[in-house]
Protein backbone atom coordinates (compact mmCIF):
# COMPACT_ATOMS: atom_id res chain seq x y z
CA MET A 1 17.17 6.84 -5.97
CA ALA A 2 15.91 5.22 -2.77
CA GLN A 3 14.42 1.74 -2.63
CA PRO A 4 10.68 1.64 -1.89
CA SER A 5 9.66 0.24 1.47
CA PHE A 6 7.40 -2.79 1.81
CA TRP A 7 4.45 -0.38 1.94
CA GLY A 8 5.56 1.48 -1.16
CA LYS A 9 5.90 -1.77 -3.11
CA LEU A 10 2.55 -3.06 -1.84
CA ILE A 11 0.66 0.13 -2.68
CA LEU A 12 2.25 0.29 -6.13
CA GLU A 13 1.32 -3.35 -6.78
CA LEU A 14 -2.27 -2.85 -5.59
CA ARG A 15 -2.65 0.37 -7.58
CA THR A 16 -1.35 -1.07 -10.84
CA ALA A 17 -3.34 -4.30 -10.40
CA ARG A 18 -6.50 -2.16 -10.25
CA GLY A 19 -5.44 -0.02 -13.19
CA LEU A 20 -5.42 3.19 -11.16
CA THR A 21 -3.19 6.16 -11.80
CA GLN A 22 -1.41 7.89 -8.95
CA ARG A 23 -3.80 10.81 -9.44
CA ASP A 24 -6.81 8.46 -9.13
CA LEU A 25 -5.56 6.75 -5.99
CA SER A 26 -4.46 9.94 -4.26
CA ALA A 27 -7.89 11.50 -4.87
CA MET A 28 -9.73 8.38 -3.67
CA ALA A 29 -7.61 8.19 -0.51
CA SER A 30 -7.49 11.95 0.18
CA VAL A 31 -3.70 11.78 0.19
CA ALA A 32 -1.55 14.26 -1.72
CA ARG A 33 -0.25 12.83 -4.99
CA SER A 34 3.25 13.98 -4.01
CA THR A 35 2.96 11.86 -0.85
CA LEU A 36 1.90 8.81 -2.87
CA VAL A 37 4.76 9.31 -5.32
CA ALA A 38 7.24 9.64 -2.43
CA ILE A 39 5.95 6.42 -0.82
CA GLU A 40 6.00 4.42 -4.07
CA THR A 41 9.48 5.59 -5.02
CA GLY A 42 11.00 5.15 -1.57
CA ASN A 43 11.63 8.82 -0.87
CA THR A 44 9.60 8.38 2.33
CA PRO A 45 8.31 5.32 4.15
CA GLY A 46 5.03 7.19 4.61
CA ARG A 47 3.11 8.11 7.71
CA ILE A 48 0.84 5.48 9.23
CA ASP A 49 -2.28 7.56 8.58
CA SER A 50 -1.37 7.95 4.90
CA ILE A 51 -0.67 4.23 4.52
CA GLU A 52 -4.00 3.39 6.18
CA LYS A 53 -5.90 5.76 3.88
CA LEU A 54 -4.26 4.31 0.78
CA LEU A 55 -4.86 0.70 1.85
CA SER A 56 -8.48 1.44 2.73
CA VAL A 57 -9.20 2.27 -0.93
CA PHE A 58 -8.41 -1.38 -1.69
CA GLU A 59 -10.32 -2.53 1.41
CA TYR A 60 -7.16 -3.76 3.10
CA ASP A 61 -6.55 -3.38 6.82
CA LEU A 62 -3.10 -2.34 8.01
CA ASP A 63 -3.34 -4.41 11.22
CA ALA A 64 -4.37 -7.54 9.32
CA ILE A 65 -1.42 -7.16 6.94
CA LEU A 66 0.98 -6.73 9.84
CA ARG A 67 -0.32 -9.94 11.41
CA ALA A 68 0.02 -11.97 8.19
CA PRO A 69 2.60 -14.80 8.62
CA ALA A 70 4.50 -13.88 5.45
CA ILE A 71 4.98 -10.33 6.66
CA SER A 72 6.33 -11.34 10.05
CA ALA A 73 8.66 -13.79 8.31
CA LYS A 74 9.86 -10.95 6.02
CA ALA A 75 8.97 -12.91 2.90
CA SER A 76 8.98 -11.28 -0.49
CA ILE A 77 6.01 -9.09 -1.31
CA SER A 78 2.93 -10.70 -2.77
CA ILE A 79 -0.66 -9.53 -2.55
CA GLY A 80 -1.92 -13.01 -3.40
CA HIS A 81 -2.12 -14.14 0.22
CA LEU A 82 -3.58 -10.89 1.54
CA LEU A 83 -7.37 -10.72 1.58
CA PRO A 84 -9.38 -7.52 1.46
CA ILE A 85 -11.57 -6.83 4.50
CA LYS A 86 -14.76 -7.88 2.64
CA ALA A 87 -13.30 -11.28 1.71
CA ARG A 88 -12.69 -12.39 5.31
């Protein structure tokens, strides 16, 4: 089994923190459940448009995450320092 990418780990962490099922999140983001499963399990890194759709459900911005200091420093994953768009 493949290792999930940063995005797969982040989406899984956000989804479980909100108590959403994969079915819930895929419907909310208009992304196929099979795509979400593949991203979370590491079978695909995911396309940018899919990642953006999934993150938008949680009101997170892909560009803002990429600019976060911990991301550029390749620190371990943590959603604690990432703020949703509304919180900025």
